[in-house]
PDB file of N, CA and C in Angstrom:
ATOM      1  N   MET A   1       0.838  -1.168   0.000  1.00  0.00           N
ATOM      2  CA  MET A   1       0.000   0.000   0.000  1.00  0.00           C
ATOM      3  C   MET A   1       0.895   1.247   0.000  1.00  0.00           C
ATOM      4  N   THR A   2       0.628   2.139  -0.906  1.00  0.00           N
ATOM      5  CA  THR A   2       1.416   3.346  -1.037  1.00  0.00           C
ATOM      6  C   THR A   2       0.949   4.404  -0.045  1.00  0.00           C
ATOM      7  N   MET A   3       1.889   4.943   0.674  1.00  0.00           N
ATOM      8  CA  MET A   3       1.577   6.012   1.617  1.00  0.00           C
ATOM      9  C   MET A   3       1.634   7.343   0.886  1.00  0.00           C
ATOM     10  N   LYS A   4       0.706   8.219   1.223  1.00  0.00           N
ATOM     11  CA  LYS A   4       0.634   9.545   0.625  1.00  0.00           C
ATOM     12  C   LYS A   4       0.779  10.575   1.735  1.00  0.00           C
ATOM     13  N   LYS A   5       1.136  11.775   1.332  1.00  0.00           N
ATOM     14  CA  LYS A   5       1.281  12.859   2.295  1.00  0.00           C
ATOM     15  C   LYS A   5       0.068  13.775   2.167  1.00  0.00           C
ATOM     16  N   PHE A   6      -0.490  14.167   3.303  1.00  0.00           N
ATOM     17  CA  PHE A   6      -1.656  15.039   3.338  1.00  0.00           C
ATOM     18  C   PHE A   6      -1.355  16.247   4.217  1.00  0.00           C
ATOM     19  N   LYS A   7      -1.953  17.366   3.856  1.00  0.00           N
ATOM     20  CA  LYS A   7      -1.843  18.598   4.646  1.00  0.00           C
ATOM     21  C   LYS A   7      -3.211  18.897   5.231  1.00  0.00           C
ATOM     22  N   LEU A   8      -3.221  19.074   6.533  1.00  0.00           N
ATOM     23  CA  LEU A   8      -4.441  19.406   7.258  1.00  0.00           C
ATOM     24  C   LEU A   8      -4.370  20.874   7.647  1.00  0.00           C
ATOM     25  N   LYS A   9      -5.335  21.650   7.157  1.00  0.00           N
ATOM     26  CA  LYS A   9      -5.378  23.090   7.450  1.00  0.00           C
ATOM     27  C   LYS A   9      -6.559  23.342   8.383  1.00  0.00           C
ATOM     28  N   TYR A  10      -6.400  22.839   9.582  1.00  0.00           N
ATOM     29  CA  TYR A  10      -7.466  22.872  10.577  1.00  0.00           C
ATOM     30  C   TYR A  10      -6.797  23.084  11.921  1.00  0.00           C
ATOM     31  N   GLY A  11      -6.990  24.247  12.510  1.00  0.00           N
ATOM     32  CA  GLY A  11      -6.210  24.590  13.692  1.00  0.00           C
ATOM     33  C   GLY A  11      -4.817  24.932  13.210  1.00  0.00           C
ATOM     34  N   ASP A  12      -3.821  24.274  13.727  1.00  0.00           N
ATOM     35  CA  ASP A  12      -2.465  24.444  13.222  1.00  0.00           C
ATOM     36  C   ASP A  12      -2.321  23.641  11.942  1.00  0.00           C
ATOM     37  N   VAL A  13      -1.666  24.215  10.935  1.00  0.00           N
ATOM     38  CA  VAL A  13      -1.420  23.477   9.694  1.00  0.00           C
ATOM     39  C   VAL A  13      -0.398  22.391   9.990  1.00  0.00           C
ATOM     40  N   SER A  14      -0.704  21.167   9.600  1.00  0.00           N
ATOM     41  CA  SER A  14       0.196  20.057   9.850  1.00  0.00           C
ATOM     42  C   SER A  14       0.106  19.069   8.700  1.00  0.00           C
ATOM     43  N   THR A  15       1.078  18.208   8.622  1.00  0.00           N
ATOM     44  CA  THR A  15       1.090  17.171   7.589  1.00  0.00           C
ATOM     45  C   THR A  15       1.195  15.809   8.248  1.00  0.00           C
ATOM     46  N   PHE A  16       0.701  14.809   7.538  1.00  0.00           N
ATOM     47  CA  PHE A  16       0.771  13.433   8.007  1.00  0.00           C
ATOM     48  C   PHE A  16       0.778  12.523   6.788  1.00  0.00           C
ATOM     49  N   THR A  17       1.151  11.281   6.986  1.00  0.00           N
ATOM     50  CA  THR A  17       1.112  10.305   5.904  1.00  0.00           C
ATOM     51  C   THR A  17       0.058   9.253   6.204  1.00  0.00           C
ATOM     52  N   SER A  18      -0.577   8.799   5.136  1.00  0.00           N
ATOM     53  CA  SER A  18      -1.612   7.780   5.246  1.00  0.00           C
ATOM     54  C   SER A  18      -1.837   7.195   3.858  1.00  0.00           C
ATOM     55  N   ALA A  19      -2.370   6.009   3.804  1.00  0.00           N
ATOM     56  CA  ALA A  19      -2.691   5.393   2.517  1.00  0.00           C
ATOM     57  C   ALA A  19      -3.884   6.086   1.863  1.00  0.00           C
ATOM     58  N   THR A  20      -4.804   6.608   2.691  1.00  0.00           N
ATOM     59  CA  THR A  20      -6.009   7.260   2.179  1.00  0.00           C
ATOM     60  C   THR A  20      -6.282   8.531   2.979  1.00  0.00           C
ATOM     61  N   PRO A  21      -7.086   9.425   2.423  1.00  0.00           N
ATOM     62  CA  PRO A  21      -7.419  10.637   3.161  1.00  0.00           C
ATOM     63  C   PRO A  21      -8.118  10.367   4.491  1.00  0.00           C
ATOM     64  N   SER A  22      -8.823   9.239   4.595  1.00  0.00           N
ATOM     65  CA  SER A  22      -9.546   8.947   5.839  1.00  0.00           C
ATOM     66  C   SER A  22      -8.611   8.722   7.026  1.00  0.00           C
ATOM     67  N   GLY A  23      -7.317   8.600   6.772  1.00  0.00           N
ATOM     68  CA  GLY A  23      -6.337   8.503   7.846  1.00  0.00           C
ATOM     69  C   GLY A  23      -6.292   9.767   8.692  1.00  0.00           C
ATOM     70  N   VAL A  24      -6.931  10.832   8.203  1.00  0.00           N
ATOM     71  CA  VAL A  24      -6.996  12.075   8.964  1.00  0.00           C
ATOM     72  C   VAL A  24      -7.685  11.857  10.311  1.00  0.00           C
ATOM     73  N   VAL A  25      -8.636  10.945  10.369  1.00  0.00           N
ATOM     74  CA  VAL A  25      -9.342  10.684  11.626  1.00  0.00           C
ATOM     75  C   VAL A  25      -8.372  10.106  12.657  1.00  0.00           C
ATOM     76  N   ASP A  26      -7.571   9.136  12.240  1.00  0.00           N
ATOM     77  CA  ASP A  26      -6.586   8.554  13.155  1.00  0.00           C
ATOM     78  C   ASP A  26      -5.564   9.607  13.577  1.00  0.00           C
ATOM     79  N   TYR A  27      -5.138  10.428  12.622  1.00  0.00           N
ATOM     80  CA  TYR A  27      -4.172  11.487  12.931  1.00  0.00           C
ATOM     81  C   TYR A  27      -4.761  12.450  13.967  1.00  0.00           C
ATOM     82  N   LEU A  28      -5.978  12.912  13.728  1.00  0.00           N
ATOM     83  CA  LEU A  28      -6.615  13.841  14.666  1.00  0.00           C
ATOM     84  C   LEU A  28      -6.798  13.211  16.042  1.00  0.00           C
ATOM     85  N   ARG A  29      -7.245  11.980  16.040  1.00  0.00           N
ATOM     86  CA  ARG A  29      -7.515  11.311  17.312  1.00  0.00           C
ATOM     87  C   ARG A  29      -6.225  11.063  18.099  1.00  0.00           C
ATOM     88  N   ASN A  30      -5.169  10.654  17.404  1.00  0.00           N
ATOM     89  CA  ASN A  30      -3.887  10.396  18.075  1.00  0.00           C
ATOM     90  C   ASN A  30      -3.248  11.667  18.617  1.00  0.00           C
ATOM     91  N   ASN A  31      -3.622  12.819  18.061  1.00  0.00           N
ATOM     92  CA  ASN A  31      -3.029  14.079  18.481  1.00  0.00           C
ATOM     93  C   ASN A  31      -4.005  14.951  19.275  1.00  0.00           C
ATOM     94  N   SER A  32      -5.098  14.381  19.684  1.00  0.00           N
ATOM     95  CA  SER A  32      -6.120  15.121  20.415  1.00  0.00           C
ATOM     96  C   SER A  32      -5.889  15.065  21.918  1.00  0.00           C
ATOM     97  N   ARG A  33      -6.227  16.151  22.574  1.00  0.00           N
ATOM     98  CA  ARG A  33      -6.206  16.152  24.035  1.00  0.00           C
ATOM     99  C   ARG A  33      -7.384  15.352  24.578  1.00  0.00           C
ATOM    100  N   TYR A  34      -8.418  15.241  23.753  1.00  0.00           N
ATOM    101  CA  TYR A  34      -9.648  14.558  24.157  1.00  0.00           C
ATOM    102  C   TYR A  34     -10.030  13.512  23.103  1.00  0.00           C
ATOM    103  N   PRO A  35      -9.348  12.378  23.059  1.00  0.00           N
ATOM    104  CA  PRO A  35      -9.606  11.390  22.014  1.00  0.00           C
ATOM    105  C   PRO A  35     -10.931  10.644  22.143  1.00  0.00           C
ATOM    106  N   MET A  36     -11.676  10.851  23.223  1.00  0.00           N
ATOM    107  CA  MET A  36     -12.969  10.207  23.459  1.00  0.00           C
ATOM    108  C   MET A  36     -12.796   8.694  23.592  1.00  0.00           C
ATOM    109  N   SER A  37     -13.817   8.052  24.069  1.00  0.00           N
ATOM    110  CA  SER A  37     -13.732   6.614  24.302  1.00  0.00           C
ATOM    111  C   SER A  37     -13.991   5.805  23.040  1.00  0.00           C
ATOM    112  N   GLY A  38     -14.826   6.289  22.151  1.00  0.00           N
ATOM    113  CA  GLY A  38     -15.125   5.546  20.937  1.00  0.00           C
ATOM    114  C   GLY A  38     -14.905   6.397  19.705  1.00  0.00           C
ATOM    115  N   GLU A  39     -14.576   5.742  18.602  1.00  0.00           N
ATOM    116  CA  GLU A  39     -14.312   6.467  17.363  1.00  0.00           C
ATOM    117  C   GLU A  39     -15.537   7.243  16.884  1.00  0.00           C
ATOM    118  N   ASP A  40     -16.722   6.667  17.028  1.00  0.00           N
ATOM    119  CA  ASP A  40     -17.928   7.345  16.562  1.00  0.00           C
ATOM    120  C   ASP A  40     -18.177   8.631  17.346  1.00  0.00           C
ATOM    121  N   VAL A  41     -17.917   8.620  18.644  1.00  0.00           N
ATOM    122  CA  VAL A  41     -18.071   9.817  19.470  1.00  0.00           C
ATOM    123  C   VAL A  41     -17.032  10.862  19.058  1.00  0.00           C
ATOM    124  N   PHE A  42     -15.800  10.418  18.851  1.00  0.00           N
ATOM    125  CA  PHE A  42     -14.751  11.335  18.428  1.00  0.00           C
ATOM    126  C   PHE A  42     -15.076  11.940  17.072  1.00  0.00           C
ATOM    127  N   LEU A  43     -15.533  11.119  16.136  1.00  0.00           N
ATOM    128  CA  LEU A  43     -15.831  11.585  14.785  1.00  0.00           C
ATOM    129  C   LEU A  43     -16.928  12.651  14.805  1.00  0.00           C
ATOM    130  N   ARG A  44     -17.947  12.429  15.601  1.00  0.00           N
ATOM    131  CA  ARG A  44     -19.034  13.419  15.725  1.00  0.00           C
ATOM    132  C   ARG A  44     -18.487  14.740  16.279  1.00  0.00           C
ATOM    133  N   SER A  45     -17.669  14.657  17.312  1.00  0.00           N
ATOM    134  CA  SER A  45     -17.092  15.851  17.920  1.00  0.00           C
ATOM    135  C   SER A  45     -16.160  16.576  16.950  1.00  0.00           C
ATOM    136  N   ALA A  46     -15.340  15.821  16.233  1.00  0.00           N
ATOM    137  CA  ALA A  46     -14.411  16.414  15.266  1.00  0.00           C
ATOM    138  C   ALA A  46     -15.170  17.072  14.118  1.00  0.00           C
ATOM    139  N   ALA A  47     -16.261  16.460  13.674  1.00  0.00           N
ATOM    140  CA  ALA A  47     -17.071  17.034  12.592  1.00  0.00           C
ATOM    141  C   ALA A  47     -17.714  18.340  13.048  1.00  0.00           C
ATOM    142  N   GLU A  48     -18.198  18.368  14.273  1.00  0.00           N
ATOM    143  CA  GLU A  48     -18.806  19.586  14.805  1.00  0.00           C
ATOM    144  C   GLU A  48     -17.772  20.705  14.896  1.00  0.00           C
ATOM    145  N   SER A  49     -16.584  20.372  15.372  1.00  0.00           N
ATOM    146  CA  SER A  49     -15.515  21.347  15.478  1.00  0.00           C
ATOM    147  C   SER A  49     -15.094  21.859  14.096  1.00  0.00           C
ATOM    148  N   ALA A  50     -14.930  20.947  13.142  1.00  0.00           N
ATOM    149  CA  ALA A  50     -14.537  21.339  11.787  1.00  0.00           C
ATOM    150  C   ALA A  50     -15.621  22.188  11.139  1.00  0.00           C
ATOM    151  N   ASN A  51     -16.876  21.839  11.370  1.00  0.00           N
ATOM    152  CA  ASN A  51     -17.988  22.618  10.837  1.00  0.00           C
ATOM    153  C   ASN A  51     -17.948  24.044  11.377  1.00  0.00           C
ATOM    154  N   ASN A  52     -17.688  24.189  12.668  1.00  0.00           N
ATOM    155  CA  ASN A  52     -17.577  25.512  13.271  1.00  0.00           C
ATOM    156  C   ASN A  52     -16.399  26.295  12.702  1.00  0.00           C
ATOM    157  N   TRP A  53     -15.332  25.586  12.376  1.00  0.00           N
ATOM    158  CA  TRP A  53     -14.108  26.216  11.870  1.00  0.00           C
ATOM    159  C   TRP A  53     -14.309  26.750  10.453  1.00  0.00           C
ATOM    160  N   CYS A  54     -14.954  25.952   9.593  1.00  0.00           N
ATOM    161  CA  CYS A  54     -15.027  26.317   8.175  1.00  0.00           C
ATOM    162  C   CYS A  54     -16.408  26.741   7.702  1.00  0.00           C
ATOM    163  N   GLY A  55     -17.445  26.453   8.471  1.00  0.00           N
ATOM    164  CA  GLY A  55     -18.793  26.826   8.071  1.00  0.00           C
ATOM    165  C   GLY A  55     -19.432  25.884   7.076  1.00  0.00           C
ATOM    166  N   SER A  56     -18.782  24.784   6.748  1.00  0.00           N
ATOM    167  CA  SER A  56     -19.334  23.779   5.831  1.00  0.00           C
ATOM    168  C   SER A  56     -19.893  22.611   6.626  1.00  0.00           C
ATOM    169  N   ASN A  57     -20.821  21.905   6.040  1.00  0.00           N
ATOM    170  CA  ASN A  57     -21.344  20.698   6.677  1.00  0.00           C
ATOM    171  C   ASN A  57     -20.326  19.579   6.544  1.00  0.00           C
ATOM    172  N   ILE A  58     -19.935  19.013   7.656  1.00  0.00           N
ATOM    173  CA  ILE A  58     -18.963  17.916   7.684  1.00  0.00           C
ATOM    174  C   ILE A  58     -19.688  16.687   8.221  1.00  0.00           C
ATOM    175  N   ARG A  59     -19.770  15.656   7.371  1.00  0.00           N
ATOM    176  CA  ARG A  59     -20.451  14.421   7.788  1.00  0.00           C
ATOM    177  C   ARG A  59     -19.562  13.624   8.734  1.00  0.00           C
ATOM    178  N   PHE A  60     -20.214  12.842   9.602  1.00  0.00           N
ATOM    179  CA  PHE A  60     -19.486  12.024  10.581  1.00  0.00           C
ATOM    180  C   PHE A  60     -19.965  10.584  10.581  1.00  0.00           C
ATOM    181  N   ASP A  61     -20.671  10.179   9.517  1.00  0.00           N
ATOM    182  CA  ASP A  61     -21.176   8.806   9.440  1.00  0.00           C
ATOM    183  C   ASP A  61     -20.106   7.793   9.066  1.00  0.00           C
ATOM    184  N   SER A  62     -18.984   8.269   8.498  1.00  0.00           N
ATOM    185  CA  SER A  62     -17.858   7.385   8.187  1.00  0.00           C
ATOM    186  C   SER A  62     -16.585   8.220   8.082  1.00  0.00           C
ATOM    187  N   LYS A  63     -15.451   7.563   8.270  1.00  0.00           N
ATOM    188  CA  LYS A  63     -14.162   8.235   8.122  1.00  0.00           C
ATOM    189  C   LYS A  63     -14.011   8.792   6.714  1.00  0.00           C
ATOM    190  N   GLU A  64     -14.471   8.018   5.728  1.00  0.00           N
ATOM    191  CA  GLU A  64     -14.323   8.410   4.327  1.00  0.00           C
ATOM    192  C   GLU A  64     -15.126   9.675   4.019  1.00  0.00           C
ATOM    193  N   ASN A  65     -16.368   9.733   4.494  1.00  0.00           N
ATOM    194  CA  ASN A  65     -17.189  10.919   4.253  1.00  0.00           C
ATOM    195  C   ASN A  65     -16.636  12.131   4.988  1.00  0.00           C
ATOM    196  N   PHE A  66     -16.167  11.925   6.198  1.00  0.00           N
ATOM    197  CA  PHE A  66     -15.554  12.997   6.972  1.00  0.00           C
ATOM    198  C   PHE A  66     -14.369  13.582   6.204  1.00  0.00           C
ATOM    199  N   ALA A  67     -13.474  12.707   5.745  1.00  0.00           N
ATOM    200  CA  ALA A  67     -12.294  13.156   5.007  1.00  0.00           C
ATOM    201  C   ALA A  67     -12.686  13.848   3.701  1.00  0.00           C
ATOM    202  N   GLN A  68     -13.655  13.298   2.987  1.00  0.00           N
ATOM    203  CA  GLN A  68     -14.097  13.903   1.727  1.00  0.00           C
ATOM    204  C   GLN A  68     -14.648  15.302   1.968  1.00  0.00           C
ATOM    205  N   ASP A  69     -15.428  15.475   3.014  1.00  0.00           N
ATOM    206  CA  ASP A  69     -15.983  16.789   3.319  1.00  0.00           C
ATOM    207  C   ASP A  69     -14.894  17.779   3.718  1.00  0.00           C
ATOM    208  N   LEU A  70     -13.878  17.318   4.456  1.00  0.00           N
ATOM    209  CA  LEU A  70     -12.750  18.194   4.774  1.00  0.00           C
ATOM    210  C   LEU A  70     -12.037  18.622   3.500  1.00  0.00           C
ATOM    211  N   MET A  71     -11.879  17.696   2.566  1.00  0.00           N
ATOM    212  CA  MET A  71     -11.232  18.025   1.290  1.00  0.00           C
ATOM    213  C   MET A  71     -12.086  19.015   0.505  1.00  0.00           C
ATOM    214  N   ASN A  72     -13.389  18.780   0.452  1.00  0.00           N
ATOM    215  CA  ASN A  72     -14.285  19.684  -0.270  1.00  0.00           C
ATOM    216  C   ASN A  72     -14.277  21.085   0.334  1.00  0.00           C
ATOM    217  N   ALA A  73     -14.073  21.176   1.639  1.00  0.00           N
ATOM    218  CA  ALA A  73     -14.045  22.469   2.324  1.00  0.00           C
ATOM    219  C   ALA A  73     -12.671  23.145   2.254  1.00  0.00           C
ATOM    220  N   GLY A  74     -11.683  22.457   1.667  1.00  0.00           N
ATOM    221  CA  GLY A  74     -10.340  23.017   1.550  1.00  0.00           C
ATOM    222  C   GLY A  74      -9.510  22.892   2.818  1.00  0.00           C
ATOM    223  N   MET A  75      -9.959  22.064   3.745  1.00  0.00           N
ATOM    224  CA  MET A  75      -9.250  21.896   5.009  1.00  0.00           C
ATOM    225  C   MET A  75      -8.257  20.743   4.981  1.00  0.00           C
ATOM    226  N   LEU A  76      -8.361  19.898   3.982  1.00  0.00           N
ATOM    227  CA  LEU A  76      -7.493  18.732   3.841  1.00  0.00           C
ATOM    228  C   LEU A  76      -7.140  18.596   2.370  1.00  0.00           C
ATOM    229  N   GLU A  77      -5.865  18.404   2.094  1.00  0.00           N
ATOM    230  CA  GLU A  77      -5.452  18.220   0.703  1.00  0.00           C
ATOM    231  C   GLU A  77      -4.273  17.247   0.629  1.00  0.00           C
ATOM    232  N   GLU A  78      -4.226  16.544  -0.482  1.00  0.00           N
ATOM    233  CA  GLU A  78      -3.086  15.655  -0.718  1.00  0.00           C
ATOM    234  C   GLU A  78      -1.929  16.504  -1.225  1.00  0.00           C
ATOM    235  N   VAL A  79      -0.751  16.272  -0.665  1.00  0.00           N
ATOM    236  CA  VAL A  79       0.441  16.990  -1.087  1.00  0.00           C
ATOM    237  C   VAL A  79       1.056  16.204  -2.243  1.00  0.00           C
ATOM    238  N   VAL A  80       1.057  16.835  -3.399  1.00  0.00           N
ATOM    239  CA  VAL A  80       1.627  16.204  -4.593  1.00  0.00           C
ATOM    240  C   VAL A  80       2.914  16.922  -4.923  1.00  0.00           C
ATOM    241  N   LYS A  81       3.977  16.153  -4.996  1.00  0.00           N
ATOM    242  CA  LYS A  81       5.300  16.770  -5.252  1.00  0.00           C
ATOM    243  C   LYS A  81       5.479  17.106  -6.697  1.00  0.00           C
TER     244      LYS A  81
END
């Protein structure tokens, strides 16, 4: 599986590597002060926070939809060299 580099422009701008954009959820959760007990709870909280940050609707029904909405809002992008 090929790892890709992604830039997250949410809070502090940061980069991470993942095979897919949905790896942003793991990145956010691993770097959160409040990772929550379950992924679904964390995803809902992260979507609400991202929605407040950018003003776009961010879905939290799956990691893939969450990542796609962040990309559509310009908050997440793949870094292409």
